[in-house]
Amino acid sequence: MAPPSVTKSLLTSCRSKCGRGLLPLVLGPLSLLALFHVTSKTAFQVSSRQLYSFEVVNEFPHDSRAFTQGLVYGGNNTLFESTGLYGQSSVRKVHLQTGQVQALHEMDSSYFGEGLTFLGERLFQVMWKMNKGFIYNLSNLTKVGMFTHGMKDGWGLATDGEVIFGSDGTSTLYTMNSKTMKVLGKATVTSNGYQVSHLNELEYINGEVWANVWMSDCIARISPSDGTVRGWILLQNLRQGLLASVPTGVDCLNGIAWDEEKKRLFVTGKLWPKLYEIELRPFKTRLQRTVEDLCLSRYRL
């Protein structure tokens, strides 16, 4: 493990050069844990929260230059995606099967694109290090408005069709009025007595808010009413498999999209050349370490 001074330097470099993209690779050994066939006598028993592994159902091409920050399924085999990095941020409409960008809105170089969701005929997007966001016409990605929000920063967005949920990189899950973007409520996200910080890209699925946790290959399944993590999806093997075939340029897991009609779950990551359709499988074995060690930057309550 790198000395604290080196780790701090790497963290500072990551934040200044790529927004939030390199640190998961720096901390790669955490992702190399043997998750699926552990026989150690010292392994921890799985907790009462449900843990999930996965099965890849389909693989689709994805723009390897897209620093994915927000992802949402728009119906008819169409995805909407928000990408980040200064000078490279965009909102785009993407064909699922081919990965082809069908429409593109390139953002001003002063903006760093983040979370994305849509409600009705409007797309909502937030910015990193800002408390404002933009509204786009769903059909042609024309910018039609701007809003401010009460989060400390802009990381992730999702909606249940009535309110909008947001994350700002802390352990707080926000609930906002979809018309005014004023904060209606907050919940501290916790797992087994630990705060789940670095909540990132969000998706609303079957009454839960699912969140990528930055600096991990984990997705938290969160109760929006009280912030309790109901389950964890462990995707370490997905990224490690991708790294085996594409050893350079791949960044962290980030991007969850849900096809409500066909019950399809899609995931991808920053600068990933592939987007995956996966099905979840209950995790029935033991882990060498606790799920908190795998998935959290831990802050004890």
C-alpha atoms as a PDB file:
ATOM      1  CA  MET A   1       0.000   0.000   0.000  1.00  0.00           C
ATOM      2  CA  ALA A   2       1.284   3.470  -0.823  1.00  0.00           C
ATOM      3  CA  PRO A   3       2.409   5.716   2.058  1.00  0.00           C
ATOM      4  CA  PRO A   4      -0.180   8.303   3.177  1.00  0.00           C
ATOM      5  CA  SER A   5       1.814  11.106   1.559  1.00  0.00           C
ATOM      6  CA  VAL A   6       1.840   9.318  -1.809  1.00  0.00           C
ATOM      7  CA  THR A   7      -1.857   8.458  -1.568  1.00  0.00           C
ATOM      8  CA  LYS A   8      -2.674  12.080  -0.732  1.00  0.00           C
ATOM      9  CA  SER A   9      -0.608  13.247  -3.690  1.00  0.00           C
ATOM     10  CA  LEU A  10      -2.356  10.818  -6.034  1.00  0.00           C
ATOM     11  CA  LEU A  11      -5.764  11.917  -4.744  1.00  0.00           C
ATOM     12  CA  THR A  12      -4.890  15.570  -5.321  1.00  0.00           C
ATOM     13  CA  SER A  13      -3.621  14.759  -8.812  1.00  0.00           C
ATOM     14  CA  CYS A  14      -6.796  12.816  -9.598  1.00  0.00           C
ATOM     15  CA  ARG A  15      -9.098  15.625  -8.546  1.00  0.00           C
ATOM     16  CA  SER A  16      -7.164  18.269 -10.484  1.00  0.00           C
ATOM     17  CA  LYS A  17      -6.500  16.352 -13.711  1.00  0.00           C
ATOM     18  CA  CYS A  18      -9.480  14.141 -14.353  1.00  0.00           C
ATOM     19  CA  GLY A  19     -12.224  15.206 -11.979  1.00  0.00           C
ATOM     20  CA  ARG A  20     -12.866  11.859 -10.313  1.00  0.00           C
ATOM     21  CA  GLY A  21     -11.424   9.187 -12.524  1.00  0.00           C
ATOM     22  CA  LEU A  22      -8.018   7.749 -11.679  1.00  0.00           C
ATOM     23  CA  LEU A  23      -8.122   6.824  -8.017  1.00  0.00           C
ATOM     24  CA  PRO A  24      -9.954   3.481  -8.399  1.00  0.00           C
ATOM     25  CA  LEU A  25      -7.061   2.312 -10.576  1.00  0.00           C
ATOM     26  CA  VAL A  26      -4.551   3.528  -8.003  1.00  0.00           C
ATOM     27  CA  LEU A  27      -6.384   1.506  -5.397  1.00  0.00           C
ATOM     28  CA  GLY A  28      -6.660  -1.486  -7.738  1.00  0.00           C
ATOM     29  CA  PRO A  29      -5.644  -4.172  -5.189  1.00  0.00           C
ATOM     30  CA  LEU A  30      -8.993  -3.788  -3.484  1.00  0.00           C
ATOM     31  CA  SER A  31     -10.616  -4.885  -6.706  1.00  0.00           C
ATOM     32  CA  LEU A  32      -8.425  -7.970  -7.039  1.00  0.00           C
ATOM     33  CA  LEU A  33      -9.923  -9.762  -4.058  1.00  0.00           C
ATOM     34  CA  ALA A  34     -11.186 -13.277  -4.738  1.00  0.00           C
ATOM     35  CA  LEU A  35     -14.901 -12.784  -4.362  1.00  0.00           C
ATOM     36  CA  PHE A  36     -16.560 -15.869  -5.711  1.00  0.00           C
ATOM     37  CA  HIS A  37     -14.800 -18.991  -4.382  1.00  0.00           C
ATOM     38  CA  VAL A  38     -13.506 -18.189  -0.935  1.00  0.00           C
ATOM     39  CA  THR A  39     -12.701 -21.056   1.424  1.00  0.00           C
ATOM     40  CA  SER A  40     -10.636 -19.271   4.063  1.00  0.00           C
ATOM     41  CA  LYS A  41     -11.538 -20.187   7.630  1.00  0.00           C
ATOM     42  CA  THR A  42     -11.173 -16.526   8.578  1.00  0.00           C
ATOM     43  CA  ALA A  43     -13.782 -15.319   6.084  1.00  0.00           C
ATOM     44  CA  PHE A  44     -16.569 -13.140   7.430  1.00  0.00           C
ATOM     45  CA  GLN A  45     -20.144 -14.348   7.342  1.00  0.00           C
ATOM     46  CA  VAL A  46     -22.350 -12.392   4.959  1.00  0.00           C
ATOM     47  CA  SER A  47     -24.596  -9.957   6.805  1.00  0.00           C
ATOM     48  CA  SER A  48     -28.382  -9.823   6.704  1.00  0.00           C
ATOM     49  CA  ARG A  49     -28.265  -7.315   3.837  1.00  0.00           C
ATOM     50  CA  GLN A  50     -28.639  -9.068   0.527  1.00  0.00           C
ATOM     51  CA  LEU A  51     -25.487  -9.297  -1.575  1.00  0.00           C
ATOM     52  CA  TYR A  52     -25.574  -9.856  -5.323  1.00  0.00           C
ATOM     53  CA  SER A  53     -23.171 -11.065  -7.946  1.00  0.00           C
ATOM     54  CA  PHE A  54     -24.089 -10.957 -11.635  1.00  0.00           C
ATOM     55  CA  GLU A  55     -24.285 -12.710 -14.963  1.00  0.00           C
ATOM     56  CA  VAL A  56     -23.511 -10.883 -18.197  1.00  0.00           C
ATOM     57  CA  VAL A  57     -26.439 -11.269 -20.584  1.00  0.00           C
ATOM     58  CA  ASN A  58     -25.264  -9.012 -23.415  1.00  0.00           C
ATOM     59  CA  GLU A  59     -22.319  -6.804 -24.303  1.00  0.00           C
ATOM     60  CA  PHE A  60     -22.721  -3.653 -26.381  1.00  0.00           C
ATOM     61  CA  PRO A  61     -20.156  -1.215 -27.795  1.00  0.00           C
ATOM     62  CA  HIS A  62     -19.631   1.994 -25.849  1.00  0.00           C
ATOM     63  CA  ASP A  63     -17.633   5.085 -26.754  1.00  0.00           C
ATOM     64  CA  SER A  64     -14.283   4.602 -25.008  1.00  0.00           C
ATOM     65  CA  ARG A  65     -13.781   8.379 -25.033  1.00  0.00           C
ATOM     66  CA  ALA A  66     -16.968   8.949 -23.005  1.00  0.00           C
ATOM     67  CA  PHE A  67     -16.207   9.825 -19.381  1.00  0.00           C
ATOM     68  CA  THR A  68     -19.609   8.550 -18.268  1.00  0.00           C
ATOM     69  CA  GLN A  69     -21.178  10.516 -15.425  1.00  0.00           C
ATOM     70  CA  GLY A  70     -24.893   9.988 -15.992  1.00  0.00           C
ATOM     71  CA  LEU A  71     -26.810   7.259 -17.806  1.00  0.00           C
ATOM     72  CA  VAL A  72     -30.509   6.651 -18.344  1.00  0.00           C
ATOM     73  CA  TYR A  73     -32.551   4.381 -20.593  1.00  0.00           C
ATOM     74  CA  GLY A  74     -34.924   6.334 -22.826  1.00  0.00           C
ATOM     75  CA  GLY A  75     -36.934   3.534 -24.453  1.00  0.00           C
ATOM     76  CA  ASN A  76     -36.746   2.066 -27.963  1.00  0.00           C
ATOM     77  CA  ASN A  77     -33.169   0.837 -27.443  1.00  0.00           C
ATOM     78  CA  THR A  78     -31.978   4.368 -26.751  1.00  0.00           C
ATOM     79  CA  LEU A  79     -29.748   5.620 -23.963  1.00  0.00           C
ATOM     80  CA  PHE A  80     -29.125   9.177 -22.833  1.00  0.00           C
ATOM     81  CA  GLU A  81     -25.697   9.850 -21.412  1.00  0.00           C
ATOM     82  CA  SER A  82     -23.920  12.715 -19.678  1.00  0.00           C
ATOM     83  CA  THR A  83     -20.136  12.814 -19.988  1.00  0.00           C
ATOM     84  CA  GLY A  84     -17.611  14.743 -17.941  1.00  0.00           C
ATOM     85  CA  LEU A  85     -14.156  16.343 -18.049  1.00  0.00           C
ATOM     86  CA  TYR A  86     -13.571  19.991 -18.845  1.00  0.00           C
ATOM     87  CA  GLY A  87     -13.591  20.580 -22.573  1.00  0.00           C
ATOM     88  CA  GLN A  88     -15.111  17.138 -23.237  1.00  0.00           C
ATOM     89  CA  SER A  89     -18.451  17.254 -21.411  1.00  0.00           C
ATOM     90  CA  SER A  90     -21.613  16.506 -23.351  1.00  0.00           C
ATOM     91  CA  VAL A  91     -25.150  15.216 -23.337  1.00  0.00           C
ATOM     92  CA  ARG A  92     -25.785  12.564 -25.952  1.00  0.00           C
ATOM     93  CA  LYS A  93     -28.403  10.217 -27.325  1.00  0.00           C
ATOM     94  CA  VAL A  94     -26.938   6.781 -27.996  1.00  0.00           C
ATOM     95  CA  HIS A  95     -28.205   3.721 -29.851  1.00  0.00           C
ATOM     96  CA  LEU A  96     -27.962   0.729 -27.535  1.00  0.00           C
ATOM     97  CA  GLN A  97     -26.953  -2.017 -29.968  1.00  0.00           C
ATOM     98  CA  THR A  98     -24.358  -0.065 -31.943  1.00  0.00           C
ATOM     99  CA  GLY A  99     -23.155   2.508 -29.421  1.00  0.00           C
ATOM    100  CA  GLN A 100     -23.585   5.119 -32.158  1.00  0.00           C
ATOM    101  CA  VAL A 101     -24.144   8.687 -30.964  1.00  0.00           C
ATOM    102  CA  GLN A 102     -27.369   9.783 -32.627  1.00  0.00           C
ATOM    103  CA  ALA A 103     -27.529  13.304 -31.189  1.00  0.00           C
ATOM    104  CA  LEU A 104     -24.946  15.348 -29.317  1.00  0.00           C
ATOM    105  CA  HIS A 105     -24.935  18.535 -27.274  1.00  0.00           C
ATOM    106  CA  GLU A 106     -21.369  19.650 -26.566  1.00  0.00           C
ATOM    107  CA  MET A 107     -21.029  21.752 -23.452  1.00  0.00           C
ATOM    108  CA  ASP A 108     -18.984  24.865 -22.857  1.00  0.00           C
ATOM    109  CA  SER A 109     -15.460  24.037 -21.684  1.00  0.00           C
ATOM    110  CA  SER A 110     -16.108  25.706 -18.324  1.00  0.00           C
ATOM    111  CA  TYR A 111     -18.606  22.968 -17.375  1.00  0.00           C
ATOM    112  CA  PHE A 112     -17.937  19.464 -16.089  1.00  0.00           C
ATOM    113  CA  GLY A 113     -21.001  17.323 -16.820  1.00  0.00           C
ATOM    114  CA  GLU A 114     -22.338  15.011 -14.128  1.00  0.00           C
ATOM    115  CA  GLY A 115     -25.600  13.186 -13.280  1.00  0.00           C
ATOM    116  CA  LEU A 116     -28.519  12.936 -15.697  1.00  0.00           C
ATOM    117  CA  THR A 117     -32.173  11.926 -15.545  1.00  0.00           C
ATOM    118  CA  PHE A 118     -35.331  12.652 -17.497  1.00  0.00           C
ATOM    119  CA  LEU A 119     -38.904  13.400 -16.547  1.00  0.00           C
ATOM    120  CA  GLY A 120     -41.590  13.840 -19.174  1.00  0.00           C
ATOM    121  CA  GLU A 121     -39.953  15.400 -22.204  1.00  0.00           C
ATOM    122  CA  ARG A 122     -37.108  17.027 -20.297  1.00  0.00           C
ATOM    123  CA  LEU A 123     -33.598  15.921 -19.404  1.00  0.00           C
ATOM    124  CA  PHE A 124     -32.052  17.258 -16.201  1.00  0.00           C
ATOM    125  CA  GLN A 125     -28.282  17.454 -15.810  1.00  0.00           C
ATOM    126  CA  VAL A 126     -26.101  18.681 -12.931  1.00  0.00           C
ATOM    127  CA  MET A 127     -22.550  20.041 -12.967  1.00  0.00           C
ATOM    128  CA  TRP A 128     -19.547  19.153 -10.837  1.00  0.00           C
ATOM    129  CA  LYS A 129     -18.469  21.810  -8.312  1.00  0.00           C
ATOM    130  CA  MET A 130     -21.623  23.835  -9.014  1.00  0.00           C
ATOM    131  CA  ASN A 131     -25.098  24.077  -7.561  1.00  0.00           C
ATOM    132  CA  LYS A 132     -26.742  24.597 -10.918  1.00  0.00           C
ATOM    133  CA  GLY A 133     -27.806  22.415 -13.793  1.00  0.00           C
ATOM    134  CA  PHE A 134     -29.349  22.462 -17.238  1.00  0.00           C
ATOM    135  CA  ILE A 135     -32.619  21.265 -18.760  1.00  0.00           C
ATOM    136  CA  TYR A 136     -32.759  19.849 -22.290  1.00  0.00           C
ATOM    137  CA  ASN A 137     -35.456  18.929 -24.747  1.00  0.00           C
ATOM    138  CA  LEU A 138     -35.541  15.143 -24.827  1.00  0.00           C
ATOM    139  CA  SER A 139     -36.115  14.857 -28.562  1.00  0.00           C
ATOM    140  CA  ASN A 140     -33.281  17.031 -29.876  1.00  0.00           C
ATOM    141  CA  LEU A 141     -31.117  17.855 -26.812  1.00  0.00           C
ATOM    142  CA  THR A 142     -31.735  21.572 -27.204  1.00  0.00           C
ATOM    143  CA  LYS A 143     -31.053  23.435 -23.954  1.00  0.00           C
ATOM    144  CA  VAL A 144     -34.346  24.882 -22.738  1.00  0.00           C
ATOM    145  CA  GLY A 145     -33.593  26.036 -19.218  1.00  0.00           C
ATOM    146  CA  MET A 146     -31.365  26.178 -16.179  1.00  0.00           C
ATOM    147  CA  PHE A 147     -31.954  25.476 -12.476  1.00  0.00           C
ATOM    148  CA  THR A 148     -30.234  25.763  -9.124  1.00  0.00           C
ATOM    149  CA  HIS A 149     -30.356  23.091  -6.447  1.00  0.00           C
ATOM    150  CA  GLY A 150     -29.669  22.811  -2.727  1.00  0.00           C
ATOM    151  CA  MET A 151     -27.008  20.109  -2.874  1.00  0.00           C
ATOM    152  CA  LYS A 152     -23.410  20.913  -1.966  1.00  0.00           C
ATOM    153  CA  ASP A 153     -22.230  19.669  -5.357  1.00  0.00           C
ATOM    154  CA  GLY A 154     -23.638  17.948  -8.426  1.00  0.00           C
ATOM    155  CA  TRP A 155     -22.868  14.222  -8.803  1.00  0.00           C
ATOM    156  CA  GLY A 156     -25.915  12.048  -9.529  1.00  0.00           C
ATOM    157  CA  LEU A 157     -29.610  12.359 -10.435  1.00  0.00           C
ATOM    158  CA  ALA A 158     -32.562   9.943 -10.668  1.00  0.00           C
ATOM    159  CA  THR A 159     -36.336  10.131 -10.545  1.00  0.00           C
ATOM    160  CA  ASP A 160     -39.302   8.004  -9.578  1.00  0.00           C
ATOM    161  CA  GLY A 161     -41.488   9.984 -11.990  1.00  0.00           C
ATOM    162  CA  GLU A 162     -42.565  12.488  -9.352  1.00  0.00           C
ATOM    163  CA  VAL A 163     -39.587  13.729  -7.342  1.00  0.00           C
ATOM    164  CA  ILE A 164     -35.909  13.882  -8.257  1.00  0.00           C
ATOM    165  CA  PHE A 165     -33.210  12.236  -6.168  1.00  0.00           C
ATOM    166  CA  GLY A 166     -29.707  13.662  -6.071  1.00  0.00           C
ATOM    167  CA  SER A 167     -26.232  12.971  -4.744  1.00  0.00           C
ATOM    168  CA  ASP A 168     -23.321  15.323  -4.112  1.00  0.00           C
ATOM    169  CA  GLY A 169     -20.465  12.959  -3.324  1.00  0.00           C
ATOM    170  CA  THR A 170     -21.272  12.791   0.377  1.00  0.00           C
ATOM    171  CA  SER A 171     -23.404  10.209   2.196  1.00  0.00           C
ATOM    172  CA  THR A 172     -26.532  12.334   1.727  1.00  0.00           C
ATOM    173  CA  LEU A 173     -29.352  11.288  -0.593  1.00  0.00           C
ATOM    174  CA  TYR A 174     -31.466  14.311  -1.509  1.00  0.00           C
ATOM    175  CA  THR A 175     -35.113  14.390  -2.521  1.00  0.00           C
ATOM    176  CA  MET A 176     -36.031  17.421  -4.628  1.00  0.00           C
ATOM    177  CA  ASN A 177     -39.137  18.975  -6.119  1.00  0.00           C
ATOM    178  CA  SER A 178     -39.042  18.182  -9.833  1.00  0.00           C
ATOM    179  CA  LYS A 179     -40.444  21.593 -10.782  1.00  0.00           C
ATOM    180  CA  THR A 180     -38.401  23.867  -8.536  1.00  0.00           C
ATOM    181  CA  MET A 181     -35.449  21.584  -7.621  1.00  0.00           C
ATOM    182  CA  LYS A 182     -35.807  22.729  -4.027  1.00  0.00           C
ATOM    183  CA  VAL A 183     -34.768  20.138  -1.467  1.00  0.00           C
ATOM    184  CA  LEU A 184     -37.755  18.375   0.100  1.00  0.00           C
ATOM    185  CA  GLY A 185     -35.800  16.010   2.297  1.00  0.00           C
ATOM    186  CA  LYS A 186     -32.459  14.400   3.039  1.00  0.00           C
ATOM    187  CA  ALA A 187     -31.434  10.923   4.179  1.00  0.00           C
ATOM    188  CA  THR A 188     -28.017   9.825   5.380  1.00  0.00           C
ATOM    189  CA  VAL A 189     -27.140   6.587   3.578  1.00  0.00           C
ATOM    190  CA  THR A 190     -25.835   3.937   5.979  1.00  0.00           C
ATOM    191  CA  SER A 191     -24.729   0.319   5.792  1.00  0.00           C
ATOM    192  CA  ASN A 192     -24.195  -1.710   8.947  1.00  0.00           C
ATOM    193  CA  GLY A 193     -23.546   1.402  11.017  1.00  0.00           C
ATOM    194  CA  TYR A 194     -21.259   3.085   8.502  1.00  0.00           C
ATOM    195  CA  GLN A 195     -22.013   6.110   6.390  1.00  0.00           C
ATOM    196  CA  VAL A 196     -21.821   5.400   2.664  1.00  0.00           C
ATOM    197  CA  SER A 197     -19.955   8.383   1.283  1.00  0.00           C
ATOM    198  CA  HIS A 198     -19.049   9.159  -2.343  1.00  0.00           C
ATOM    199  CA  LEU A 199     -22.539   8.439  -3.652  1.00  0.00           C
ATOM    200  CA  ASN A 200     -22.225   8.990  -7.386  1.00  0.00           C
ATOM    201  CA  GLU A 201     -24.410   8.096 -10.398  1.00  0.00           C
ATOM    202  CA  LEU A 202     -27.988   7.181  -9.438  1.00  0.00           C
ATOM    203  CA  GLU A 203     -30.880   5.161 -10.851  1.00  0.00           C
ATOM    204  CA  TYR A 204     -34.363   4.575  -9.446  1.00  0.00           C
ATOM    205  CA  ILE A 205     -35.366   0.896  -9.702  1.00  0.00           C
ATOM    206  CA  ASN A 206     -38.409  -0.776  -8.146  1.00  0.00           C
ATOM    207  CA  GLY A 207     -38.755   1.544  -5.171  1.00  0.00           C
ATOM    208  CA  GLU A 208     -35.026   1.802  -4.474  1.00  0.00           C
ATOM    209  CA  VAL A 209     -32.333   4.285  -5.433  1.00  0.00           C
ATOM    210  CA  TRP A 210     -29.285   2.461  -6.788  1.00  0.00           C
ATOM    211  CA  ALA A 211     -25.983   4.306  -6.479  1.00  0.00           C
ATOM    212  CA  ASN A 212     -22.496   3.795  -7.811  1.00  0.00           C
ATOM    213  CA  VAL A 213     -20.054   4.358  -4.966  1.00  0.00           C
ATOM    214  CA  TRP A 214     -17.000   6.213  -6.228  1.00  0.00           C
ATOM    215  CA  MET A 215     -13.661   4.493  -5.583  1.00  0.00           C
ATOM    216  CA  SER A 216     -15.348   1.085  -5.576  1.00  0.00           C
ATOM    217  CA  ASP A 217     -16.839  -1.448  -7.973  1.00  0.00           C
ATOM    218  CA  CYS A 218     -20.018  -1.624  -5.904  1.00  0.00           C
ATOM    219  CA  ILE A 219     -23.605  -0.494  -6.346  1.00  0.00           C
ATOM    220  CA  ALA A 220     -25.656   0.272  -3.229  1.00  0.00           C
ATOM    221  CA  ARG A 221     -29.396  -0.433  -3.235  1.00  0.00           C
ATOM    222  CA  ILE A 222     -30.834   2.289  -1.022  1.00  0.00           C
ATOM    223  CA  SER A 223     -34.178   2.843   0.664  1.00  0.00           C
ATOM    224  CA  PRO A 224     -35.045   6.433  -0.313  1.00  0.00           C
ATOM    225  CA  SER A 225     -37.202   6.883   2.793  1.00  0.00           C
ATOM    226  CA  ASP A 226     -34.485   6.404   5.414  1.00  0.00           C
ATOM    227  CA  GLY A 227     -31.210   5.886   3.548  1.00  0.00           C
ATOM    228  CA  THR A 228     -30.716   2.288   4.665  1.00  0.00           C
ATOM    229  CA  VAL A 229     -28.724   0.145   2.243  1.00  0.00           C
ATOM    230  CA  ARG A 230     -30.911  -2.875   1.510  1.00  0.00           C
ATOM    231  CA  GLY A 231     -28.339  -4.654  -0.611  1.00  0.00           C
ATOM    232  CA  TRP A 232     -25.018  -4.488  -2.414  1.00  0.00           C
ATOM    233  CA  ILE A 233     -24.153  -5.471  -5.984  1.00  0.00           C
ATOM    234  CA  LEU A 234     -20.504  -6.530  -6.265  1.00  0.00           C
ATOM    235  CA  LEU A 235     -19.104  -5.894  -9.735  1.00  0.00           C
ATOM    236  CA  GLN A 236     -15.356  -6.212  -9.098  1.00  0.00           C
ATOM    237  CA  ASN A 237     -15.068  -9.131 -11.492  1.00  0.00           C
ATOM    238  CA  LEU A 238     -16.785  -7.186 -14.269  1.00  0.00           C
ATOM    239  CA  ARG A 239     -14.176  -4.437 -14.312  1.00  0.00           C
ATOM    240  CA  GLN A 240     -11.307  -6.866 -13.801  1.00  0.00           C
ATOM    241  CA  GLY A 241     -12.522  -8.888 -16.782  1.00  0.00           C
ATOM    242  CA  LEU A 242     -12.616  -5.745 -18.885  1.00  0.00           C
ATOM    243  CA  LEU A 243      -9.137  -4.753 -17.732  1.00  0.00           C
ATOM    244  CA  ALA A 244      -7.842  -8.170 -18.792  1.00  0.00           C
ATOM    245  CA  SER A 245      -8.905  -7.489 -22.381  1.00  0.00           C
ATOM    246  CA  VAL A 246      -8.347  -3.711 -22.390  1.00  0.00           C
ATOM    247  CA  PRO A 247      -5.432  -3.159 -20.003  1.00  0.00           C
ATOM    248  CA  THR A 248      -5.066   0.606 -20.434  1.00  0.00           C
ATOM    249  CA  GLY A 249      -7.400   3.581 -20.429  1.00  0.00           C
ATOM    250  CA  VAL A 250     -10.297   1.973 -18.540  1.00  0.00           C
ATOM    251  CA  ASP A 251     -11.484   4.012 -15.567  1.00  0.00           C
ATOM    252  CA  CYS A 252     -13.949   3.297 -12.769  1.00  0.00           C
ATOM    253  CA  LEU A 253     -17.409   1.768 -12.846  1.00  0.00           C
ATOM    254  CA  ASN A 254     -20.018   4.497 -13.280  1.00  0.00           C
ATOM    255  CA  GLY A 255     -23.362   4.316 -15.050  1.00  0.00           C
ATOM    256  CA  ILE A 256     -26.608   2.480 -14.254  1.00  0.00           C
ATOM    257  CA  ALA A 257     -29.632   2.364 -16.571  1.00  0.00           C
ATOM    258  CA  TRP A 258     -32.895   0.468 -16.134  1.00  0.00           C
ATOM    259  CA  ASP A 259     -35.334  -0.580 -18.847  1.00  0.00           C
ATOM    260  CA  GLU A 260     -38.564  -0.735 -16.874  1.00  0.00           C
ATOM    261  CA  GLU A 261     -40.601  -2.268 -19.700  1.00  0.00           C
ATOM    262  CA  LYS A 262     -38.300  -5.201 -20.429  1.00  0.00           C
ATOM    263  CA  LYS A 263     -36.663  -5.364 -16.976  1.00  0.00           C
ATOM    264  CA  ARG A 264     -33.161  -4.957 -18.349  1.00  0.00           C
ATOM    265  CA  LEU A 265     -30.276  -3.613 -16.269  1.00  0.00           C
ATOM    266  CA  PHE A 266     -27.323  -1.898 -17.964  1.00  0.00           C
ATOM    267  CA  VAL A 267     -24.002  -0.828 -16.462  1.00  0.00           C
ATOM    268  CA  THR A 268     -20.852   0.772 -17.822  1.00  0.00           C
ATOM    269  CA  GLY A 269     -17.979   2.961 -16.679  1.00  0.00           C
ATOM    270  CA  LYS A 270     -15.860   5.971 -17.452  1.00  0.00           C
ATOM    271  CA  LEU A 271     -13.914   5.417 -20.671  1.00  0.00           C
ATOM    272  CA  TRP A 272     -15.225   1.865 -20.967  1.00  0.00           C
ATOM    273  CA  PRO A 273     -15.381   0.445 -24.507  1.00  0.00           C
ATOM    274  CA  LYS A 274     -18.307  -1.757 -23.500  1.00  0.00           C
ATOM    275  CA  LEU A 275     -21.731  -1.430 -21.933  1.00  0.00           C
ATOM    276  CA  TYR A 276     -23.138  -4.543 -20.264  1.00  0.00           C
ATOM    277  CA  GLU A 277     -26.612  -5.900 -19.745  1.00  0.00           C
ATOM    278  CA  ILE A 278     -26.452  -7.946 -16.554  1.00  0.00           C
ATOM    279  CA  GLU A 279     -28.759 -10.063 -14.429  1.00  0.00           C
ATOM    280  CA  LEU A 280     -28.294 -10.235 -10.685  1.00  0.00           C
ATOM    281  CA  ARG A 281     -27.642 -13.429  -8.788  1.00  0.00           C
ATOM    282  CA  PRO A 282     -27.837 -13.813  -4.995  1.00  0.00           C
ATOM    283  CA  PHE A 283     -24.359 -13.992  -3.511  1.00  0.00           C
ATOM    284  CA  LYS A 284     -24.372 -17.211  -1.502  1.00  0.00           C
ATOM    285  CA  THR A 285     -20.756 -17.663  -0.456  1.00  0.00           C
ATOM    286  CA  ARG A 286     -18.501 -15.843   1.992  1.00  0.00           C
ATOM    287  CA  LEU A 287     -16.190 -12.890   1.527  1.00  0.00           C
ATOM    288  CA  GLN A 288     -12.621 -12.635   2.711  1.00  0.00           C
ATOM    289  CA  ARG A 289     -13.438  -9.142   3.975  1.00  0.00           C
ATOM    290  CA  THR A 290     -16.574  -7.348   4.992  1.00  0.00           C
ATOM    291  CA  VAL A 291     -18.647  -5.634   2.344  1.00  0.00           C
ATOM    292  CA  GLU A 292     -17.809  -2.329   4.067  1.00  0.00           C
ATOM    293  CA  ASP A 293     -14.109  -2.930   3.409  1.00  0.00           C
ATOM    294  CA  LEU A 294     -14.869  -3.661  -0.233  1.00  0.00           C
ATOM    295  CA  CYS A 295     -17.333  -0.896  -0.933  1.00  0.00           C
ATOM    296  CA  LEU A 296     -16.927   2.024   1.460  1.00  0.00           C
ATOM    297  CA  SER A 297     -14.784   4.911   2.450  1.00  0.00           C
ATOM    298  CA  ARG A 298     -15.795   4.346   6.025  1.00  0.00           C
ATOM    299  CA  TYR A 299     -17.039   6.884   8.527  1.00  0.00           C
ATOM    300  CA  ARG A 300     -18.312   5.290  11.690  1.00  0.00           C
ATOM    301  CA  LEU A 301     -21.577   6.696  13.089  1.00  0.00           C
END
